[in-house]
Structure formats: C-alpha cells, structure tokens
C-alpha atoms as a PDB file:
ATOM      1  CA  MET A   1      22.969 -10.533  14.640  1.00  0.00           C
ATOM      2  CA  SER A   2      23.118  -8.470  11.444  1.00  0.00           C
ATOM      3  CA  GLN A   3      24.068  -4.946  12.164  1.00  0.00           C
ATOM      4  CA  ILE A   4      23.045  -1.887  10.267  1.00  0.00           C
ATOM      5  CA  SER A   5      24.934   1.131  11.440  1.00  0.00           C
ATOM      6  CA  ARG A   6      23.424   4.355  12.613  1.00  0.00           C
ATOM      7  CA  ASP A   7      25.184   6.031   9.670  1.00  0.00           C
ATOM      8  CA  ASP A   8      23.485   3.597   7.261  1.00  0.00           C
ATOM      9  CA  VAL A   9      20.098   4.491   8.761  1.00  0.00           C
ATOM     10  CA  ALA A  10      20.914   8.210   8.518  1.00  0.00           C
ATOM     11  CA  HIS A  11      21.889   7.713   4.862  1.00  0.00           C
ATOM     12  CA  LEU A  12      18.638   5.860   4.109  1.00  0.00           C
ATOM     13  CA  ALA A  13      16.673   8.566   5.899  1.00  0.00           C
ATOM     14  CA  ARG A  14      18.330  11.252   3.775  1.00  0.00           C
ATOM     15  CA  LEU A  15      17.528   9.306   0.592  1.00  0.00           C
ATOM     16  CA  ALA A  16      13.897   8.993   1.723  1.00  0.00           C
ATOM     17  CA  ARG A  17      13.880  12.667   2.744  1.00  0.00           C
ATOM     18  CA  LEU A  18      13.011  11.791   6.339  1.00  0.00           C
ATOM     19  CA  ALA A  19      14.115  13.988   9.199  1.00  0.00           C
ATOM     20  CA  LEU A  20      14.947  11.635  12.074  1.00  0.00           C
ATOM     21  CA  THR A  21      16.060  12.509  15.581  1.00  0.00           C
ATOM     22  CA  ASP A  22      19.116  10.900  17.174  1.00  0.00           C
ATOM     23  CA  ASP A  23      16.844   8.638  19.238  1.00  0.00           C
ATOM     24  CA  GLU A  24      14.947   7.563  16.113  1.00  0.00           C
ATOM     25  CA  LEU A  25      18.205   6.791  14.289  1.00  0.00           C
ATOM     26  CA  ASP A  26      19.335   4.602  17.186  1.00  0.00           C
ATOM     27  CA  GLY A  27      15.961   2.866  17.437  1.00  0.00           C
ATOM     28  CA  PHE A  28      15.602   2.241  13.725  1.00  0.00           C
ATOM     29  CA  SER A  29      19.118   0.820  13.438  1.00  0.00           C
ATOM     30  CA  GLY A  30      18.162  -1.848  15.992  1.00  0.00           C
ATOM     31  CA  GLN A  31      14.807  -2.542  14.329  1.00  0.00           C
ATOM     32  CA  LEU A  32      16.321  -2.794  10.858  1.00  0.00           C
ATOM     33  CA  GLY A  33      19.042  -5.065  12.216  1.00  0.00           C
ATOM     34  CA  ALA A  34      16.360  -7.401  13.602  1.00  0.00           C
ATOM     35  CA  ILE A  35      14.583  -7.412  10.225  1.00  0.00           C
ATOM     36  CA  LEU A  36      17.842  -8.284   8.455  1.00  0.00           C
ATOM     37  CA  ASP A  37      18.379 -11.133  10.947  1.00  0.00           C
ATOM     38  CA  HIS A  38      14.978 -12.584  10.080  1.00  0.00           C
ATOM     39  CA  VAL A  39      15.655 -12.246   6.354  1.00  0.00           C
ATOM     40  CA  SER A  40      18.988 -14.056   6.709  1.00  0.00           C
ATOM     41  CA  GLN A  41      17.249 -16.888   8.625  1.00  0.00           C
ATOM     42  CA  ILE A  42      14.729 -17.246   5.795  1.00  0.00           C
ATOM     43  CA  GLN A  43      17.496 -17.199   3.188  1.00  0.00           C
ATOM     44  CA  ALA A  44      19.308 -19.979   5.088  1.00  0.00           C
ATOM     45  CA  VAL A  45      16.373 -22.396   4.723  1.00  0.00           C
ATOM     46  CA  ASP A  46      17.151 -25.251   2.337  1.00  0.00           C
ATOM     47  CA  CYS A  47      14.341 -25.265  -0.199  1.00  0.00           C
ATOM     48  CA  THR A  48      15.956 -27.699  -2.614  1.00  0.00           C
ATOM     49  CA  GLY A  49      13.200 -29.624  -4.401  1.00  0.00           C
ATOM     50  CA  VAL A  50      10.452 -27.237  -3.321  1.00  0.00           C
ATOM     51  CA  GLU A  51       8.498 -25.981  -6.288  1.00  0.00           C
ATOM     52  CA  ALA A  52       8.189 -22.208  -6.404  1.00  0.00           C
ATOM     53  CA  THR A  53       4.675 -20.819  -6.261  1.00  0.00           C
ATOM     54  CA  ASP A  54       3.332 -17.314  -6.497  1.00  0.00           C
ATOM     55  CA  ASN A  55      -0.237 -18.196  -5.511  1.00  0.00           C
ATOM     56  CA  PRO A  56      -1.416 -21.508  -4.105  1.00  0.00           C
ATOM     57  CA  LEU A  57      -4.942 -20.870  -5.372  1.00  0.00           C
ATOM     58  CA  LYS A  58      -5.498 -21.924  -8.953  1.00  0.00           C
ATOM     59  CA  ASP A  59      -8.657 -19.848  -9.560  1.00  0.00           C
ATOM     60  CA  VAL A  60      -7.889 -16.922 -11.809  1.00  0.00           C
ATOM     61  CA  ASN A  61     -10.079 -13.869 -12.290  1.00  0.00           C
ATOM     62  CA  VAL A  62     -13.430 -15.429 -11.428  1.00  0.00           C
ATOM     63  CA  THR A  63     -15.596 -12.640 -12.828  1.00  0.00           C
ATOM     64  CA  ARG A  64     -18.421 -12.385 -15.265  1.00  0.00           C
ATOM     65  CA  PRO A  65     -17.886 -10.755 -18.658  1.00  0.00           C
ATOM     66  CA  ASP A  66     -18.934  -7.140 -19.069  1.00  0.00           C
ATOM     67  CA  ALA A  67     -22.281  -6.774 -20.773  1.00  0.00           C
ATOM     68  CA  VAL A  68     -24.177  -3.672 -21.816  1.00  0.00           C
ATOM     69  CA  ALA A  69     -27.439  -3.402 -19.867  1.00  0.00           C
ATOM     70  CA  PRO A  70     -30.129  -0.747 -19.513  1.00  0.00           C
ATOM     71  CA  SER A  71     -29.314   1.832 -16.861  1.00  0.00           C
ATOM     72  CA  LEU A  72     -30.401   5.224 -15.580  1.00  0.00           C
ATOM     73  CA  THR A  73     -29.786   8.376 -17.536  1.00  0.00           C
ATOM     74  CA  GLN A  74     -27.757  11.083 -15.861  1.00  0.00           C
ATOM     75  CA  GLU A  75     -30.923  13.072 -15.176  1.00  0.00           C
ATOM     76  CA  GLN A  76     -32.675  10.052 -13.627  1.00  0.00           C
ATOM     77  CA  ALA A  77     -29.712   9.296 -11.390  1.00  0.00           C
ATOM     78  CA  LEU A  78     -29.492  12.895 -10.164  1.00  0.00           C
ATOM     79  CA  ALA A  79     -33.261  13.290  -9.712  1.00  0.00           C
ATOM     80  CA  ALA A  80     -33.236  11.715  -6.231  1.00  0.00           C
ATOM     81  CA  ALA A  81     -29.956  13.294  -5.122  1.00  0.00           C
ATOM     82  CA  PRO A  82     -30.152  15.677  -2.155  1.00  0.00           C
ATOM     83  CA  ARG A  83     -27.913  18.082  -4.090  1.00  0.00           C
ATOM     84  CA  ALA A  84     -26.534  18.145  -7.613  1.00  0.00           C
ATOM     85  CA  ALA A  85     -24.413  20.649  -9.511  1.00  0.00           C
ATOM     86  CA  ASP A  86     -23.120  20.700 -13.084  1.00  0.00           C
ATOM     87  CA  GLY A  87     -24.502  17.230 -13.800  1.00  0.00           C
ATOM     88  CA  ARG A  88     -22.797  15.615 -10.794  1.00  0.00           C
ATOM     89  CA  PHE A  89     -23.676  14.635  -7.231  1.00  0.00           C
ATOM     90  CA  GLU A  90     -22.747  17.441  -4.848  1.00  0.00           C
ATOM     91  CA  VAL A  91     -21.356  16.339  -1.494  1.00  0.00           C
ATOM     92  CA  PRO A  92     -20.147  18.290   1.548  1.00  0.00           C
ATOM     93  CA  GLN A  93     -16.512  19.359   1.588  1.00  0.00           C
ATOM     94  CA  ILE A  94     -14.332  17.191   3.835  1.00  0.00           C
ATOM     95  CA  LEU A  95     -10.950  17.572   5.523  1.00  0.00           C
ATOM     96  CA  GLY A  96     -10.794  21.285   4.801  1.00  0.00           C
ATOM     97  CA  GLU A  97      -9.764  20.711   1.195  1.00  0.00           C
ATOM     98  CA  SER A  98     -10.175  23.640  -1.174  1.00  0.00           C
ATOM     99  CA  GLN A  99     -11.992  23.184  -4.432  1.00  0.00           C
END
C-alpha cells in the first residue's frame, strides 16, 4: 500500500490554504494513500501495442453554422417581461447578494 504521511497531507493542506483538524489529517492520509494505490495499479498495466485515444467518438463539433436571422428588438423582448429596468430584465434578488 502506498503511504502518504500525515505531514505530507498537512503540507498539502497548507498549500491549498485548508484548515484541517487532526482527525481530518489522519482520515485524508488514508484516503489519499488508497488513491495512490489505485493509480499505481493503473500504471502497472501493460498497454504495449494499445493505441492511445483521447475520445473514442469520431464526431467533432456537430453544430450548425451561425447565421444572422430576424429577432426581437430590445423593446419587444422587454414588453412582456413582468419587470424591466435600464433596458434589462429585472429579477428578484437571490442568496442575499448585494447589488
């Protein structure tokens, strides 16, 4: 089993500016060790002769080209809005954010 020390986890936490408790440091060192074990198992797989691929699907960007088409004016779009202000849709404030 790959081991990552508690000190290594504490160092990573400091770099990430995370405040971790002693219990969290102990828990994360075990979890990260398990992740490193899985990575080492994957790295040990012999993939000689296997062609590398980044995407098995060959379709690329199946979209239509942009085309200019008639659309509503700003006034027409806002005409049916429940509330509008300064040429924009006005919506209720959420999550206590200040404007």
